[in-house]
Amino acid sequence: TPWASVVNTTSRVAVVRKLIVGHPYEFRVRAHSDGNGGISGWSTVRMAHTLWEAYSDSFPIRLQGTGRNNHGYALIEVDHRVLYRRKDETGLVVAVFSRWDMSLVWMRTYNTMHSTGEAAQLAAD
């Protein structure tokens, strides 16, 4: 999308209105001189994100762990979607989620119960 002028001001602060919630925007600025009509070059592009309304930004997360005294399924559930359900692994699970829609981006299980190498890999990751 081509650049669009959204604010012309003499102030050091500007408010940009009519943005879509939950979307990223890129901004750049430049200065105009009142005296001789000169114009500076464009600034470095900066990314800004609009926020969701508080009620839209909440969703249920359920984490259920297992252990020696709590047999059953380990479970990761986000917004009522099961992302991980295992009964046969030991150790720790690291999961990375998208900040936009909480979809699963990356996940790995580390068998830290039986392998010191896995513990070291967890620390490295």
PDB file of N, CA and C in Angstrom:
ATOM      1  N   THR A   1       0.851  -1.179   0.000  1.00  0.00           N
ATOM      2  CA  THR A   1       0.000   0.000   0.000  1.00  0.00           C
ATOM      3  C   THR A   1       0.891   1.234   0.000  1.00  0.00           C
ATOM      4  N   PRO A   2       0.607   2.222  -0.808  1.00  0.00           N
ATOM      5  CA  PRO A   2       1.422   3.436  -0.812  1.00  0.00           C
ATOM      6  C   PRO A   2       1.236   4.236   0.476  1.00  0.00           C
ATOM      7  N   TRP A   3       2.205   5.076   0.767  1.00  0.00           N
ATOM      8  CA  TRP A   3       2.130   5.918   1.958  1.00  0.00           C
ATOM      9  C   TRP A   3       1.011   6.940   1.804  1.00  0.00           C
ATOM     10  N   ALA A   4       0.371   7.280   2.926  1.00  0.00           N
ATOM     11  CA  ALA A   4      -0.691   8.291   2.937  1.00  0.00           C
ATOM     12  C   ALA A   4      -0.395   9.295   4.035  1.00  0.00           C
ATOM     13  N   SER A   5      -0.653  10.561   3.771  1.00  0.00           N
ATOM     14  CA  SER A   5      -0.484  11.593   4.787  1.00  0.00           C
ATOM     15  C   SER A   5      -1.676  11.535   5.737  1.00  0.00           C
ATOM     16  N   VAL A   6      -1.413  11.395   7.043  1.00  0.00           N
ATOM     17  CA  VAL A   6      -2.518  11.278   7.992  1.00  0.00           C
ATOM     18  C   VAL A   6      -2.617  12.466   8.933  1.00  0.00           C
ATOM     19  N   VAL A   7      -1.507  13.190   9.167  1.00  0.00           N
ATOM     20  CA  VAL A   7      -1.537  14.343  10.067  1.00  0.00           C
ATOM     21  C   VAL A   7      -0.525  15.376   9.589  1.00  0.00           C
ATOM     22  N   ASN A   8      -0.957  16.630   9.520  1.00  0.00           N
ATOM     23  CA  ASN A   8      -0.047  17.757   9.321  1.00  0.00           C
ATOM     24  C   ASN A   8      -0.210  18.653  10.539  1.00  0.00           C
ATOM     25  N   THR A   9       0.870  18.874  11.278  1.00  0.00           N
ATOM     26  CA  THR A   9       0.753  19.620  12.528  1.00  0.00           C
ATOM     27  C   THR A   9       2.041  20.367  12.818  1.00  0.00           C
ATOM     28  N   THR A  10       1.943  21.378  13.661  1.00  0.00           N
ATOM     29  CA  THR A  10       3.129  22.073  14.152  1.00  0.00           C
ATOM     30  C   THR A  10       3.485  21.595  15.547  1.00  0.00           C
ATOM     31  N   SER A  11       2.711  20.693  16.088  1.00  0.00           N
ATOM     32  CA  SER A  11       2.930  20.152  17.425  1.00  0.00           C
ATOM     33  C   SER A  11       3.967  19.034  17.378  1.00  0.00           C
ATOM     34  N   ARG A  12       4.547  18.735  18.542  1.00  0.00           N
ATOM     35  CA  ARG A  12       5.478  17.616  18.646  1.00  0.00           C
ATOM     36  C   ARG A  12       4.745  16.285  18.851  1.00  0.00           C
ATOM     37  N   VAL A  13       3.449  16.352  19.135  1.00  0.00           N
ATOM     38  CA  VAL A  13       2.638  15.155  19.371  1.00  0.00           C
ATOM     39  C   VAL A  13       1.457  15.193  18.413  1.00  0.00           C
ATOM     40  N   ALA A  14       1.118  14.049  17.853  1.00  0.00           N
ATOM     41  CA  ALA A  14      -0.025  13.972  16.949  1.00  0.00           C
ATOM     42  C   ALA A  14      -0.848  12.735  17.290  1.00  0.00           C
ATOM     43  N   VAL A  15      -2.147  12.837  17.117  1.00  0.00           N
ATOM     44  CA  VAL A  15      -3.051  11.712  17.326  1.00  0.00           C
ATOM     45  C   VAL A  15      -3.601  11.314  15.963  1.00  0.00           C
ATOM     46  N   VAL A  16      -3.446  10.049  15.635  1.00  0.00           N
ATOM     47  CA  VAL A  16      -3.966   9.530  14.375  1.00  0.00           C
ATOM     48  C   VAL A  16      -5.264   8.803  14.685  1.00  0.00           C
ATOM     49  N   ARG A  17      -6.317   9.198  14.032  1.00  0.00           N
ATOM     50  CA  ARG A  17      -7.638   8.634  14.307  1.00  0.00           C
ATOM     51  C   ARG A  17      -8.072   7.698  13.177  1.00  0.00           C
ATOM     52  N   LYS A  18      -9.168   7.013  13.402  1.00  0.00           N
ATOM     53  CA  LYS A  18      -9.805   6.120  12.424  1.00  0.00           C
ATOM     54  C   LYS A  18      -8.883   4.975  12.002  1.00  0.00           C
ATOM     55  N   LEU A  19      -8.175   4.406  12.971  1.00  0.00           N
ATOM     56  CA  LEU A  19      -7.368   3.222  12.701  1.00  0.00           C
ATOM     57  C   LEU A  19      -8.187   1.983  13.040  1.00  0.00           C
ATOM     58  N   ILE A  20      -7.869   0.884  12.429  1.00  0.00           N
ATOM     59  CA  ILE A  20      -8.572  -0.367  12.669  1.00  0.00           C
ATOM     60  C   ILE A  20      -7.930  -1.067  13.867  1.00  0.00           C
ATOM     61  N   VAL A  21      -8.744  -1.460  14.848  1.00  0.00           N
ATOM     62  CA  VAL A  21      -8.207  -2.108  16.041  1.00  0.00           C
ATOM     63  C   VAL A  21      -7.596  -3.452  15.689  1.00  0.00           C
ATOM     64  N   GLY A  22      -6.517  -3.787  16.384  1.00  0.00           N
ATOM     65  CA  GLY A  22      -5.867  -5.067  16.199  1.00  0.00           C
ATOM     66  C   GLY A  22      -4.989  -5.163  14.966  1.00  0.00           C
ATOM     67  N   HIS A  23      -4.656  -4.034  14.348  1.00  0.00           N
ATOM     68  CA  HIS A  23      -3.836  -4.042  13.135  1.00  0.00           C
ATOM     69  C   HIS A  23      -2.525  -3.291  13.360  1.00  0.00           C
ATOM     70  N   PRO A  24      -1.468  -3.732  12.687  1.00  0.00           N
ATOM     71  CA  PRO A  24      -0.206  -2.996  12.757  1.00  0.00           C
ATOM     72  C   PRO A  24      -0.200  -1.860  11.727  1.00  0.00           C
ATOM     73  N   TYR A  25       0.497  -0.798  12.055  1.00  0.00           N
ATOM     74  CA  TYR A  25       0.669   0.326  11.140  1.00  0.00           C
ATOM     75  C   TYR A  25       2.127   0.753  11.147  1.00  0.00           C
ATOM     76  N   GLU A  26       2.603   1.228  10.006  1.00  0.00           N
ATOM     77  CA  GLU A  26       3.941   1.783   9.917  1.00  0.00           C
ATOM     78  C   GLU A  26       3.820   3.290   9.750  1.00  0.00           C
ATOM     79  N   PHE A  27       4.675   4.012  10.478  1.00  0.00           N
ATOM     80  CA  PHE A  27       4.667   5.469  10.419  1.00  0.00           C
ATOM     81  C   PHE A  27       6.054   5.985  10.090  1.00  0.00           C
ATOM     82  N   ARG A  28       6.091   7.123   9.422  1.00  0.00           N
ATOM     83  CA  ARG A  28       7.328   7.863   9.231  1.00  0.00           C
ATOM     84  C   ARG A  28       6.959   9.340   9.235  1.00  0.00           C
ATOM     85  N   VAL A  29       7.898  10.187   9.584  1.00  0.00           N
ATOM     86  CA  VAL A  29       7.640  11.623   9.680  1.00  0.00           C
ATOM     87  C   VAL A  29       8.747  12.389   8.976  1.00  0.00           C
ATOM     88  N   ARG A  30       8.461  13.662   8.692  1.00  0.00           N
ATOM     89  CA  ARG A  30       9.476  14.584   8.215  1.00  0.00           C
ATOM     90  C   ARG A  30       9.092  15.988   8.648  1.00  0.00           C
ATOM     91  N   ALA A  31      10.072  16.846   8.686  1.00  0.00           N
ATOM     92  CA  ALA A  31       9.859  18.215   9.181  1.00  0.00           C
ATOM     93  C   ALA A  31       9.789  19.200   8.015  1.00  0.00           C
ATOM     94  N   HIS A  32       8.934  20.190   8.198  1.00  0.00           N
ATOM     95  CA  HIS A  32       8.813  21.305   7.251  1.00  0.00           C
ATOM     96  C   HIS A  32       9.282  22.561   7.958  1.00  0.00           C
ATOM     97  N   SER A  33      10.069  23.363   7.304  1.00  0.00           N
ATOM     98  CA  SER A  33      10.557  24.608   7.896  1.00  0.00           C
ATOM     99  C   SER A  33       9.580  25.737   7.603  1.00  0.00           C
ATOM    100  N   ASP A  34       9.230  26.505   8.646  1.00  0.00           N
ATOM    101  CA  ASP A  34       8.362  27.670   8.452  1.00  0.00           C
ATOM    102  C   ASP A  34       9.087  28.792   7.728  1.00  0.00           C
ATOM    103  N   GLY A  35      10.402  28.889   7.944  1.00  0.00           N
ATOM    104  CA  GLY A  35      11.166  30.016   7.406  1.00  0.00           C
ATOM    105  C   GLY A  35      11.431  29.952   5.923  1.00  0.00           C
ATOM    106  N   ASN A  36      12.138  28.915   5.486  1.00  0.00           N
ATOM    107  CA  ASN A  36      12.557  28.892   4.086  1.00  0.00           C
ATOM    108  C   ASN A  36      11.852  27.835   3.241  1.00  0.00           C
ATOM    109  N   GLY A  37      10.896  27.148   3.814  1.00  0.00           N
ATOM    110  CA  GLY A  37      10.127  26.163   3.055  1.00  0.00           C
ATOM    111  C   GLY A  37      10.842  24.860   2.797  1.00  0.00           C
ATOM    112  N   GLY A  38      11.960  24.633   3.496  1.00  0.00           N
ATOM    113  CA  GLY A  38      12.693  23.387   3.315  1.00  0.00           C
ATOM    114  C   GLY A  38      11.968  22.205   3.949  1.00  0.00           C
ATOM    115  N   ILE A  39      12.248  21.027   3.434  1.00  0.00           N
ATOM    116  CA  ILE A  39      11.634  19.803   3.944  1.00  0.00           C
ATOM    117  C   ILE A  39      12.748  18.806   4.226  1.00  0.00           C
ATOM    118  N   SER A  40      12.693  18.186   5.406  1.00  0.00           N
ATOM    119  CA  SER A  40      13.698  17.184   5.753  1.00  0.00           C
ATOM    120  C   SER A  40      13.414  15.880   5.017  1.00  0.00           C
ATOM    121  N   GLY A  41      14.357  14.962   5.114  1.00  0.00           N
ATOM    122  CA  GLY A  41      14.124  13.623   4.592  1.00  0.00           C
ATOM    123  C   GLY A  41      13.183  12.866   5.515  1.00  0.00           C
ATOM    124  N   TRP A  42      12.707  11.713   5.054  1.00  0.00           N
ATOM    125  CA  TRP A  42      11.800  10.905   5.859  1.00  0.00           C
ATOM    126  C   TRP A  42      12.563  10.220   6.987  1.00  0.00           C
ATOM    127  N   SER A  43      11.897  10.070   8.107  1.00  0.00           N
ATOM    128  CA  SER A  43      12.477   9.361   9.253  1.00  0.00           C
ATOM    129  C   SER A  43      12.528   7.864   8.967  1.00  0.00           C
ATOM    130  N   THR A  44      13.178   7.137   9.861  1.00  0.00           N
ATOM    131  CA  THR A  44      13.147   5.678   9.819  1.00  0.00           C
ATOM    132  C   THR A  44      11.717   5.221  10.073  1.00  0.00           C
ATOM    133  N   VAL A  45      11.289   4.196   9.382  1.00  0.00           N
ATOM    134  CA  VAL A  45       9.922   3.673   9.551  1.00  0.00           C
ATOM    135  C   VAL A  45       9.790   3.061  10.940  1.00  0.00           C
ATOM    136  N   ARG A  46       8.689   3.366  11.629  1.00  0.00           N
ATOM    137  CA  ARG A  46       8.387   2.821  12.952  1.00  0.00           C
ATOM    138  C   ARG A  46       7.068   2.062  12.892  1.00  0.00           C
ATOM    139  N   MET A  47       7.042   0.925  13.567  1.00  0.00           N
ATOM    140  CA  MET A  47       5.850   0.081  13.605  1.00  0.00           C
ATOM    141  C   MET A  47       5.053   0.386  14.865  1.00  0.00           C
ATOM    142  N   ALA A  48       3.744   0.483  14.728  1.00  0.00           N
ATOM    143  CA  ALA A  48       2.844   0.659  15.876  1.00  0.00           C
ATOM    144  C   ALA A  48       1.703  -0.335  15.728  1.00  0.00           C
ATOM    145  N   HIS A  49       1.189  -0.787  16.852  1.00  0.00           N
ATOM    146  CA  HIS A  49       0.078  -1.747  16.852  1.00  0.00           C
ATOM    147  C   HIS A  49      -1.085  -1.146  17.621  1.00  0.00           C
ATOM    148  N   THR A  50      -2.259  -1.201  17.041  1.00  0.00           N
ATOM    149  CA  THR A  50      -3.440  -0.769  17.780  1.00  0.00           C
ATOM    150  C   THR A  50      -3.882  -1.922  18.678  1.00  0.00           C
ATOM    151  N   LEU A  51      -4.537  -1.593  19.754  1.00  0.00           N
ATOM    152  CA  LEU A  51      -4.927  -2.594  20.739  1.00  0.00           C
ATOM    153  C   LEU A  51      -6.372  -3.016  20.527  1.00  0.00           C
ATOM    154  N   TRP A  52      -6.654  -4.256  20.881  1.00  0.00           N
ATOM    155  CA  TRP A  52      -8.037  -4.733  20.887  1.00  0.00           C
ATOM    156  C   TRP A  52      -8.747  -4.148  22.095  1.00  0.00           C
ATOM    157  N   GLU A  53     -10.036  -4.061  22.013  1.00  0.00           N
ATOM    158  CA  GLU A  53     -10.818  -3.698  23.185  1.00  0.00           C
ATOM    159  C   GLU A  53     -10.559  -4.744  24.254  1.00  0.00           C
ATOM    160  N   ALA A  54     -10.591  -4.363  25.512  1.00  0.00           N
ATOM    161  CA  ALA A  54     -10.246  -5.279  26.604  1.00  0.00           C
ATOM    162  C   ALA A  54     -11.094  -6.552  26.577  1.00  0.00           C
ATOM    163  N   TYR A  55     -12.375  -6.435  26.309  1.00  0.00           N
ATOM    164  CA  TYR A  55     -13.224  -7.616  26.298  1.00  0.00           C
ATOM    165  C   TYR A  55     -12.898  -8.530  25.124  1.00  0.00           C
ATOM    166  N   SER A  56     -12.357  -8.005  24.031  1.00  0.00           N
ATOM    167  CA  SER A  56     -12.017  -8.816  22.864  1.00  0.00           C
ATOM    168  C   SER A  56     -10.677  -9.506  23.028  1.00  0.00           C
ATOM    169  N   ASP A  57      -9.851  -8.968  23.905  1.00  0.00           N
ATOM    170  CA  ASP A  57      -8.492  -9.448  24.040  1.00  0.00           C
ATOM    171  C   ASP A  57      -8.381 -10.578  25.055  1.00  0.00           C
ATOM    172  N   SER A  58      -9.478 -10.962  25.667  1.00  0.00           N
ATOM    173  CA  SER A  58      -9.403 -12.025  26.667  1.00  0.00           C
ATOM    174  C   SER A  58      -9.887 -13.342  26.056  1.00  0.00           C
ATOM    175  N   PHE A  59      -9.283 -14.420  26.490  1.00  0.00           N
ATOM    176  CA  PHE A  59      -9.639 -15.742  26.010  1.00  0.00           C
ATOM    177  C   PHE A  59      -9.191 -16.731  27.067  1.00  0.00           C
ATOM    178  N   PRO A  60      -9.850 -17.859  27.155  1.00  0.00           N
ATOM    179  CA  PRO A  60      -9.482 -18.838  28.183  1.00  0.00           C
ATOM    180  C   PRO A  60      -8.250 -19.644  27.788  1.00  0.00           C
ATOM    181  N   ILE A  61      -7.361 -19.842  28.739  1.00  0.00           N
ATOM    182  CA  ILE A  61      -6.198 -20.702  28.584  1.00  0.00           C
ATOM    183  C   ILE A  61      -6.262 -21.743  29.691  1.00  0.00           C
ATOM    184  N   ARG A  62      -6.083 -22.999  29.322  1.00  0.00           N
ATOM    185  CA  ARG A  62      -6.078 -24.076  30.302  1.00  0.00           C
ATOM    186  C   ARG A  62      -4.777 -24.848  30.160  1.00  0.00           C
ATOM    187  N   LEU A  63      -4.018 -24.916  31.231  1.00  0.00           N
ATOM    188  CA  LEU A  63      -2.780 -25.678  31.288  1.00  0.00           C
ATOM    189  C   LEU A  63      -2.942 -26.740  32.354  1.00  0.00           C
ATOM    190  N   GLN A  64      -2.713 -27.976  32.001  1.00  0.00           N
ATOM    191  CA  GLN A  64      -2.845 -29.070  32.956  1.00  0.00           C
ATOM    192  C   GLN A  64      -1.580 -29.910  32.888  1.00  0.00           C
ATOM    193  N   GLY A  65      -0.876 -29.975  33.991  1.00  0.00           N
ATOM    194  CA  GLY A  65       0.342 -30.760  34.046  1.00  0.00           C
ATOM    195  C   GLY A  65       0.110 -32.088  34.716  1.00  0.00           C
ATOM    196  N   THR A  66       1.060 -32.971  34.534  1.00  0.00           N
ATOM    197  CA  THR A  66       0.992 -34.275  35.176  1.00  0.00           C
ATOM    198  C   THR A  66       2.290 -34.510  35.921  1.00  0.00           C
ATOM    199  N   GLY A  67       2.319 -35.522  36.704  1.00  0.00           N
ATOM    200  CA  GLY A  67       3.520 -35.845  37.456  1.00  0.00           C
ATOM    201  C   GLY A  67       3.383 -37.187  38.141  1.00  0.00           C
ATOM    202  N   ARG A  68       4.337 -37.465  38.982  1.00  0.00           N
ATOM    203  CA  ARG A  68       4.369 -38.747  39.680  1.00  0.00           C
ATOM    204  C   ARG A  68       3.081 -38.984  40.469  1.00  0.00           C
ATOM    205  N   ASN A  69       2.550 -37.936  41.079  1.00  0.00           N
ATOM    206  CA  ASN A  69       1.341 -38.074  41.898  1.00  0.00           C
ATOM    207  C   ASN A  69       0.075 -37.607  41.186  1.00  0.00           C
ATOM    208  N   ASN A  70       0.194 -37.242  39.928  1.00  0.00           N
ATOM    209  CA  ASN A  70      -0.958 -36.747  39.187  1.00  0.00           C
ATOM    210  C   ASN A  70      -0.916 -37.356  37.787  1.00  0.00           C
ATOM    211  N   HIS A  71      -1.320 -38.611  37.669  1.00  0.00           N
ATOM    212  CA  HIS A  71      -1.299 -39.299  36.380  1.00  0.00           C
ATOM    213  C   HIS A  71      -2.456 -38.805  35.524  1.00  0.00           C
ATOM    214  N   GLY A  72      -2.278 -38.843  34.273  1.00  0.00           N
ATOM    215  CA  GLY A  72      -3.314 -38.406  33.345  1.00  0.00           C
ATOM    216  C   GLY A  72      -2.668 -37.720  32.155  1.00  0.00           C
ATOM    217  N   TYR A  73      -3.435 -36.870  31.484  1.00  0.00           N
ATOM    218  CA  TYR A  73      -2.957 -36.196  30.289  1.00  0.00           C
ATOM    219  C   TYR A  73      -2.413 -34.811  30.632  1.00  0.00           C
ATOM    220  N   ALA A  74      -1.260 -34.477  30.030  1.00  0.00           N
ATOM    221  CA  ALA A  74      -0.798 -33.093  30.030  1.00  0.00           C
ATOM    222  C   ALA A  74      -1.579 -32.395  28.929  1.00  0.00           C
ATOM    223  N   LEU A  75      -2.020 -31.173  29.196  1.00  0.00           N
ATOM    224  CA  LEU A  75      -2.946 -30.517  28.284  1.00  0.00           C
ATOM    225  C   LEU A  75      -2.608 -29.038  28.147  1.00  0.00           C
ATOM    226  N   ILE A  76      -2.621 -28.544  26.912  1.00  0.00           N
ATOM    227  CA  ILE A  76      -2.589 -27.099  26.630  1.00  0.00           C
ATOM    228  C   ILE A  76      -3.801 -26.821  25.762  1.00  0.00           C
ATOM    229  N   GLU A  77      -4.667 -25.941  26.262  1.00  0.00           N
ATOM    230  CA  GLU A  77      -5.891 -25.608  25.549  1.00  0.00           C
ATOM    231  C   GLU A  77      -6.004 -24.084  25.506  1.00  0.00           C
ATOM    232  N   VAL A  78      -6.216 -23.523  24.319  1.00  0.00           N
ATOM    233  CA  VAL A  78      -6.359 -22.078  24.148  1.00  0.00           C
ATOM    234  C   VAL A  78      -7.676 -21.812  23.431  1.00  0.00           C
ATOM    235  N   ASP A  79      -8.498 -20.983  24.034  1.00  0.00           N
ATOM    236  CA  ASP A  79      -9.800 -20.627  23.460  1.00  0.00           C
ATOM    237  C   ASP A  79     -10.593 -21.878  23.086  1.00  0.00           C
ATOM    238  N   HIS A  80     -10.573 -22.845  23.992  1.00  0.00           N
ATOM    239  CA  HIS A  80     -11.295 -24.101  23.865  1.00  0.00           C
ATOM    240  C   HIS A  80     -10.797 -24.988  22.722  1.00  0.00           C
ATOM    241  N   ARG A  81      -9.589 -24.725  22.224  1.00  0.00           N
ATOM    242  CA  ARG A  81      -8.961 -25.570  21.203  1.00  0.00           C
ATOM    243  C   ARG A  81      -7.807 -26.320  21.858  1.00  0.00           C
ATOM    244  N   VAL A  82      -7.817 -27.625  21.761  1.00  0.00           N
ATOM    245  CA  VAL A  82      -6.734 -28.435  22.326  1.00  0.00           C
ATOM    246  C   VAL A  82      -5.536 -28.364  21.387  1.00  0.00           C
ATOM    247  N   LEU A  83      -4.410 -27.864  21.909  1.00  0.00           N
ATOM    248  CA  LEU A  83      -3.195 -27.749  21.117  1.00  0.00           C
ATOM    249  C   LEU A  83      -2.191 -28.851  21.448  1.00  0.00           C
ATOM    250  N   TYR A  84      -2.302 -29.378  22.651  1.00  0.00           N
ATOM    251  CA  TYR A  84      -1.359 -30.407  23.094  1.00  0.00           C
ATOM    252  C   TYR A  84      -2.069 -31.298  24.092  1.00  0.00           C
ATOM    253  N   ARG A  85      -1.994 -32.612  23.863  1.00  0.00           N
ATOM    254  CA  ARG A  85      -2.600 -33.570  24.793  1.00  0.00           C
ATOM    255  C   ARG A  85      -1.788 -34.850  24.696  1.00  0.00           C
ATOM    256  N   ARG A  86      -0.979 -35.077  25.713  1.00  0.00           N
ATOM    257  CA  ARG A  86      -0.098 -36.247  25.710  1.00  0.00           C
ATOM    258  C   ARG A  86      -0.102 -36.892  27.083  1.00  0.00           C
ATOM    259  N   LYS A  87       0.084 -38.206  27.083  1.00  0.00           N
ATOM    260  CA  LYS A  87       0.147 -38.953  28.326  1.00  0.00           C
ATOM    261  C   LYS A  87       1.461 -39.731  28.441  1.00  0.00           C
ATOM    262  N   ASP A  88       2.205 -39.751  27.361  1.00  0.00           N
ATOM    263  CA  ASP A  88       3.350 -40.636  27.275  1.00  0.00           C
ATOM    264  C   ASP A  88       4.711 -39.933  27.386  1.00  0.00           C
ATOM    265  N   GLU A  89       4.757 -38.646  27.679  1.00  0.00           N
ATOM    266  CA  GLU A  89       6.022 -37.937  27.733  1.00  0.00           C
ATOM    267  C   GLU A  89       6.285 -37.412  29.132  1.00  0.00           C
ATOM    268  N   THR A  90       7.572 -37.273  29.442  1.00  0.00           N
ATOM    269  CA  THR A  90       7.958 -36.680  30.713  1.00  0.00           C
ATOM    270  C   THR A  90       8.848 -35.482  30.434  1.00  0.00           C
ATOM    271  N   GLY A  91       8.860 -34.539  31.327  1.00  0.00           N
ATOM    272  CA  GLY A  91       9.712 -33.360  31.163  1.00  0.00           C
ATOM    273  C   GLY A  91       8.895 -32.091  31.088  1.00  0.00           C
ATOM    274  N   LEU A  92       9.378 -31.161  30.285  1.00  0.00           N
ATOM    275  CA  LEU A  92       8.744 -29.851  30.167  1.00  0.00           C
ATOM    276  C   LEU A  92       8.383 -29.564  28.721  1.00  0.00           C
ATOM    277  N   VAL A  93       7.310 -28.805  28.534  1.00  0.00           N
ATOM    278  CA  VAL A  93       6.880 -28.388  27.204  1.00  0.00           C
ATOM    279  C   VAL A  93       7.003 -26.875  27.137  1.00  0.00           C
ATOM    280  N   VAL A  94       7.625 -26.384  26.072  1.00  0.00           N
ATOM    281  CA  VAL A  94       7.688 -24.944  25.819  1.00  0.00           C
ATOM    282  C   VAL A  94       6.849 -24.679  24.577  1.00  0.00           C
ATOM    283  N   ALA A  95       5.917 -23.746  24.689  1.00  0.00           N
ATOM    284  CA  ALA A  95       5.045 -23.410  23.569  1.00  0.00           C
ATOM    285  C   ALA A  95       5.101 -21.908  23.326  1.00  0.00           C
ATOM    286  N   VAL A  96       5.152 -21.507  22.061  1.00  0.00           N
ATOM    287  CA  VAL A  96       5.166 -20.095  21.669  1.00  0.00           C
ATOM    288  C   VAL A  96       3.906 -19.846  20.849  1.00  0.00           C
ATOM    289  N   PHE A  97       3.178 -18.788  21.216  1.00  0.00           N
ATOM    290  CA  PHE A  97       1.912 -18.475  20.568  1.00  0.00           C
ATOM    291  C   PHE A  97       1.985 -17.130  19.857  1.00  0.00           C
ATOM    292  N   SER A  98       1.211 -16.987  18.798  1.00  0.00           N
ATOM    293  CA  SER A  98       1.104 -15.717  18.084  1.00  0.00           C
ATOM    294  C   SER A  98       0.360 -14.711  18.955  1.00  0.00           C
ATOM    295  N   ARG A  99       0.852 -13.494  19.027  1.00  0.00           N
ATOM    296  CA  ARG A  99       0.170 -12.473  19.823  1.00  0.00           C
ATOM    297  C   ARG A  99      -1.107 -11.982  19.151  1.00  0.00           C
ATOM    298  N   TRP A 100      -1.302 -12.283  17.880  1.00  0.00           N
ATOM    299  CA  TRP A 100      -2.483 -11.797  17.170  1.00  0.00           C
ATOM    300  C   TRP A 100      -3.701 -12.664  17.414  1.00  0.00           C
ATOM    301  N   ASP A 101      -3.523 -13.985  17.323  1.00  0.00           N
ATOM    302  CA  ASP A 101      -4.696 -14.849  17.450  1.00  0.00           C
ATOM    303  C   ASP A 101      -4.461 -16.054  18.358  1.00  0.00           C
ATOM    304  N   MET A 102      -3.340 -16.056  19.083  1.00  0.00           N
ATOM    305  CA  MET A 102      -2.965 -17.128  19.998  1.00  0.00           C
ATOM    306  C   MET A 102      -2.848 -18.481  19.300  1.00  0.00           C
ATOM    307  N   SER A 103      -2.586 -18.480  18.010  1.00  0.00           N
ATOM    308  CA  SER A 103      -2.331 -19.747  17.324  1.00  0.00           C
ATOM    309  C   SER A 103      -0.935 -20.228  17.710  1.00  0.00           C
ATOM    310  N   LEU A 104      -0.757 -21.527  17.694  1.00  0.00           N
ATOM    311  CA  LEU A 104       0.516 -22.119  18.071  1.00  0.00           C
ATOM    312  C   LEU A 104       1.538 -21.871  16.969  1.00  0.00           C
ATOM    313  N   VAL A 105       2.675 -21.277  17.344  1.00  0.00           N
ATOM    314  CA  VAL A 105       3.747 -20.985  16.399  1.00  0.00           C
ATOM    315  C   VAL A 105       4.852 -22.035  16.484  1.00  0.00           C
ATOM    316  N   TRP A 106       5.209 -22.428  17.697  1.00  0.00           N
ATOM    317  CA  TRP A 106       6.320 -23.361  17.907  1.00  0.00           C
ATOM    318  C   TRP A 106       6.112 -24.081  19.220  1.00  0.00           C
ATOM    319  N   MET A 107       6.457 -25.367  19.256  1.00  0.00           N
ATOM    320  CA  MET A 107       6.345 -26.119  20.497  1.00  0.00           C
ATOM    321  C   MET A 107       7.376 -27.244  20.486  1.00  0.00           C
ATOM    322  N   ARG A 108       7.945 -27.494  21.661  1.00  0.00           N
ATOM    323  CA  ARG A 108       8.893 -28.592  21.802  1.00  0.00           C
ATOM    324  C   ARG A 108       8.774 -29.163  23.208  1.00  0.00           C
ATOM    325  N   THR A 109       8.898 -30.476  23.287  1.00  0.00           N
ATOM    326  CA  THR A 109       8.927 -31.165  24.573  1.00  0.00           C
ATOM    327  C   THR A 109      10.373 -31.522  24.888  1.00  0.00           C
ATOM    328  N   TYR A 110      10.787 -31.246  26.107  1.00  0.00           N
ATOM    329  CA  TYR A 110      12.139 -31.543  26.570  1.00  0.00           C
ATOM    330  C   TYR A 110      12.058 -32.613  27.648  1.00  0.00           C
ATOM    331  N   ASN A 111      12.710 -33.734  27.454  1.00  0.00           N
ATOM    332  CA  ASN A 111      12.688 -34.834  28.412  1.00  0.00           C
ATOM    333  C   ASN A 111      13.717 -34.559  29.513  1.00  0.00           C
ATOM    334  N   THR A 112      13.432 -33.565  30.328  1.00  0.00           N
ATOM    335  CA  THR A 112      14.357 -33.150  31.390  1.00  0.00           C
ATOM    336  C   THR A 112      14.407 -34.137  32.545  1.00  0.00           C
ATOM    337  N   MET A 113      13.447 -35.025  32.615  1.00  0.00           N
ATOM    338  CA  MET A 113      13.427 -36.025  33.696  1.00  0.00           C
ATOM    339  C   MET A 113      14.529 -37.062  33.518  1.00  0.00           C
ATOM    340  N   HIS A 114      14.883 -37.366  32.271  1.00  0.00           N
ATOM    341  CA  HIS A 114      15.810 -38.463  32.002  1.00  0.00           C
ATOM    342  C   HIS A 114      17.063 -38.051  31.249  1.00  0.00           C
ATOM    343  N   SER A 115      17.190 -36.776  30.887  1.00  0.00           N
ATOM    344  CA  SER A 115      18.326 -36.372  30.066  1.00  0.00           C
ATOM    345  C   SER A 115      18.831 -34.992  30.471  1.00  0.00           C
ATOM    346  N   THR A 116      20.067 -34.924  30.931  1.00  0.00           N
ATOM    347  CA  THR A 116      20.657 -33.611  31.258  1.00  0.00           C
ATOM    348  C   THR A 116      20.905 -32.810  29.975  1.00  0.00           C
ATOM    349  N   GLY A 117      21.125 -33.510  28.870  1.00  0.00           N
ATOM    350  CA  GLY A 117      21.291 -32.825  27.595  1.00  0.00           C
ATOM    351  C   GLY A 117      20.031 -32.071  27.191  1.00  0.00           C
ATOM    352  N   GLU A 118      18.882 -32.653  27.478  1.00  0.00           N
ATOM    353  CA  GLU A 118      17.601 -31.978  27.177  1.00  0.00           C
ATOM    354  C   GLU A 118      17.428 -30.730  28.034  1.00  0.00           C
ATOM    355  N   ALA A 119      17.854 -30.802  29.269  1.00  0.00           N
ATOM    356  CA  ALA A 119      17.788 -29.633  30.157  1.00  0.00           C
ATOM    357  C   ALA A 119      18.675 -28.519  29.613  1.00  0.00           C
ATOM    358  N   ALA A 120      19.866 -28.865  29.139  1.00  0.00           N
ATOM    359  CA  ALA A 120      20.774 -27.871  28.561  1.00  0.00           C
ATOM    360  C   ALA A 120      20.181 -27.288  27.283  1.00  0.00           C
ATOM    361  N   GLN A 121      19.523 -28.117  26.478  1.00  0.00           N
ATOM    362  CA  GLN A 121      18.892 -27.635  25.242  1.00  0.00           C
ATOM    363  C   GLN A 121      17.740 -26.689  25.544  1.00  0.00           C
ATOM    364  N   LEU A 122      16.964 -27.011  26.582  1.00  0.00           N
ATOM    365  CA  LEU A 122      15.883 -26.126  27.012  1.00  0.00           C
ATOM    366  C   LEU A 122      16.432 -24.762  27.376  1.00  0.00           C
ATOM    367  N   ALA A 123      17.530 -24.740  28.122  1.00  0.00           N
ATOM    368  CA  ALA A 123      18.135 -23.461  28.512  1.00  0.00           C
ATOM    369  C   ALA A 123      18.652 -22.700  27.286  1.00  0.00           C
ATOM    370  N   ALA A 124      19.167 -23.411  26.316  1.00  0.00           N
ATOM    371  CA  ALA A 124      19.697 -22.770  25.104  1.00  0.00           C
ATOM    372  C   ALA A 124      18.580 -22.205  24.226  1.00  0.00           C
ATOM    373  N   ASP A 125      17.479 -22.936  24.148  1.00  0.00           N
ATOM    374  CA  ASP A 125      16.369 -22.482  23.309  1.00  0.00           C
ATOM    375  C   ASP A 125      15.689 -21.292  23.938  1.00  0.00           C
TER     376      ASP A 125
END
